[in-house]
Amino acid sequence: MEKYMFLFRGGDVSHLPAQQQGAQMQKWLAWVEKLTKEGKYVSGEPLLPGGKTVAGSKKTVTDGPFAESKEVTTGFFVVNAKNIDEAVQMAKDCPDYELGGSVEVREVMKVDMP
């Protein structure tokens, strides 16, 4: 098994009524439960909006990231999968597609530490 990271973008629920926000959260919880029962879920967290960006050789700190709401990274999962194809299949269950969200699937690099 390899580890893959799902980077969630968009899928903003803040404009939805509270009842629909709750229903969306239940979809997320059901997905996490499914992945956990399958032994695929490793970890994950939602991310709050805003933050800071540190960049360049001078390590300049700016507010941000600033992007269109559909491009803002809203959270992540780390999952176990046999290969990228299996990880992509798992990502297709993300509940945020109906809200315009997307999932970037990336393999986690193995690093041997001494």
Protein backbone atom coordinates (compact mmCIF):
# COMPACT_ATOMS: atom_id res chain seq x y z
CA MET A 1 0.00 0.00 0.00
CA GLU A 2 1.09 3.52 -0.77
CA LYS A 3 -0.06 6.76 0.85
CA TYR A 4 -1.91 9.38 -1.15
CA MET A 5 -3.04 12.85 -0.20
CA PHE A 6 -6.36 14.28 -1.26
CA LEU A 7 -6.30 18.08 -1.39
CA PHE A 8 -9.84 19.42 -1.34
CA ARG A 9 -10.59 22.68 -3.15
CA GLY A 10 -13.80 24.66 -3.34
CA GLY A 11 -17.04 23.09 -2.22
CA ASP A 12 -17.94 26.10 -0.06
CA VAL A 13 -21.03 25.44 2.08
CA SER A 14 -21.14 28.85 3.79
CA HIS A 15 -23.85 30.09 1.42
CA LEU A 16 -26.14 27.14 2.19
CA PRO A 17 -28.86 27.14 4.86
CA ALA A 18 -27.81 25.51 8.15
CA GLN A 19 -29.87 22.37 7.44
CA GLN A 20 -28.09 21.80 4.11
CA GLN A 21 -24.70 22.48 5.72
CA GLY A 22 -25.51 19.79 8.29
CA ALA A 23 -26.56 17.36 5.56
CA GLN A 24 -23.28 17.99 3.72
CA MET A 25 -21.32 17.32 6.91
CA GLN A 26 -23.17 14.01 7.34
CA LYS A 27 -22.05 13.02 3.83
CA TRP A 28 -18.44 13.76 4.80
CA LEU A 29 -18.73 11.76 8.03
CA ALA A 30 -20.23 8.82 6.13
CA TRP A 31 -17.36 8.92 3.62
CA VAL A 32 -14.73 8.97 6.39
CA GLU A 33 -16.51 6.06 8.10
CA LYS A 34 -16.54 4.07 4.84
CA LEU A 35 -12.82 4.68 4.20
CA THR A 36 -12.02 3.84 7.83
CA LYS A 37 -13.92 0.54 7.70
CA GLU A 38 -12.02 -0.33 4.49
CA GLY A 39 -8.69 0.40 6.23
CA LYS A 40 -7.95 3.21 3.76
CA TYR A 41 -8.32 6.35 5.88
CA VAL A 42 -5.12 7.52 7.61
CA SER A 43 -5.90 11.10 8.64
CA GLY A 44 -7.43 14.35 7.53
CA GLU A 45 -8.53 17.78 8.64
CA PRO A 46 -10.58 20.70 7.34
CA LEU A 47 -8.72 23.98 6.98
CA LEU A 48 -9.92 27.42 8.07
CA PRO A 49 -9.88 30.21 5.49
CA GLY A 50 -6.97 32.63 5.43
CA GLY A 51 -3.50 32.09 6.75
CA LYS A 52 -0.07 33.40 5.84
CA THR A 53 2.34 32.72 2.99
CA VAL A 54 6.10 32.68 3.52
CA ALA A 55 8.07 32.98 0.28
CA GLY A 56 11.43 33.73 -1.26
CA SER A 57 14.98 33.85 0.05
CA LYS A 58 14.02 36.77 2.31
CA LYS A 59 11.17 34.68 3.73
CA THR A 60 8.67 37.45 3.11
CA VAL A 61 5.41 36.91 5.01
CA THR A 62 2.13 38.02 3.41
CA ASP A 63 -1.52 37.47 4.19
CA GLY A 64 -3.08 34.77 2.14
CA PRO A 65 -3.46 32.58 0.31
CA PHE A 66 -5.69 34.64 -1.91
CA ALA A 67 -7.49 32.75 -4.62
CA GLU A 68 -10.95 32.39 -6.04
CA SER A 69 -13.09 30.38 -3.64
CA LYS A 70 -13.13 27.41 -6.02
CA GLU A 71 -9.30 27.28 -5.84
CA VAL A 72 -8.88 27.60 -2.06
CA THR A 73 -7.62 24.43 -0.38
CA THR A 74 -10.28 23.60 2.20
CA GLY A 75 -8.82 20.45 3.71
CA PHE A 76 -6.95 17.21 3.17
CA PHE A 77 -7.03 13.47 3.71
CA VAL A 78 -4.19 10.97 3.71
CA VAL A 79 -5.33 7.54 2.51
CA ASN A 80 -3.81 4.15 1.75
CA ALA A 81 -4.25 2.79 -1.78
CA LYS A 82 -2.64 0.14 -3.98
CA ASN A 83 -1.95 2.70 -6.70
CA ILE A 84 -3.00 6.08 -8.10
CA ASP A 85 -5.96 4.53 -9.92
CA GLU A 86 -7.41 3.16 -6.68
CA ALA A 87 -6.82 6.51 -4.96
CA VAL A 88 -8.63 8.34 -7.77
CA GLN A 89 -11.57 5.93 -7.47
CA MET A 90 -11.77 6.66 -3.72
CA ALA A 91 -11.64 10.41 -4.40
CA LYS A 92 -14.71 10.12 -6.64
CA ASP A 93 -16.81 9.64 -3.49
CA CYS A 94 -16.05 13.16 -2.23
CA PRO A 95 -19.36 14.88 -1.43
CA ASP A 96 -18.25 18.33 -2.60
CA TYR A 97 -18.42 17.76 -6.37
CA GLU A 98 -22.07 18.81 -6.36
CA LEU A 99 -20.93 22.15 -4.84
CA GLY A 100 -18.28 22.74 -7.51
CA GLY A 101 -15.45 21.27 -5.43
CA SER A 102 -12.47 19.33 -6.71
CA VAL A 103 -9.94 16.85 -5.32
CA GLU A 104 -6.27 16.80 -6.23
CA VAL A 105 -4.82 13.30 -5.71
CA ARG A 106 -1.08 13.16 -4.99
CA GLU A 107 1.18 10.26 -4.00
CA VAL A 108 3.12 10.85 -0.78
CA MET A 109 6.86 10.45 -1.35
CA LYS A 110 8.57 7.83 0.78
CA VAL A 111 11.59 9.24 2.56
CA ASP A 112 14.01 6.93 4.33
CA MET A 113 15.22 8.55 7.52
CA PRO A 114 18.50 7.38 9.07
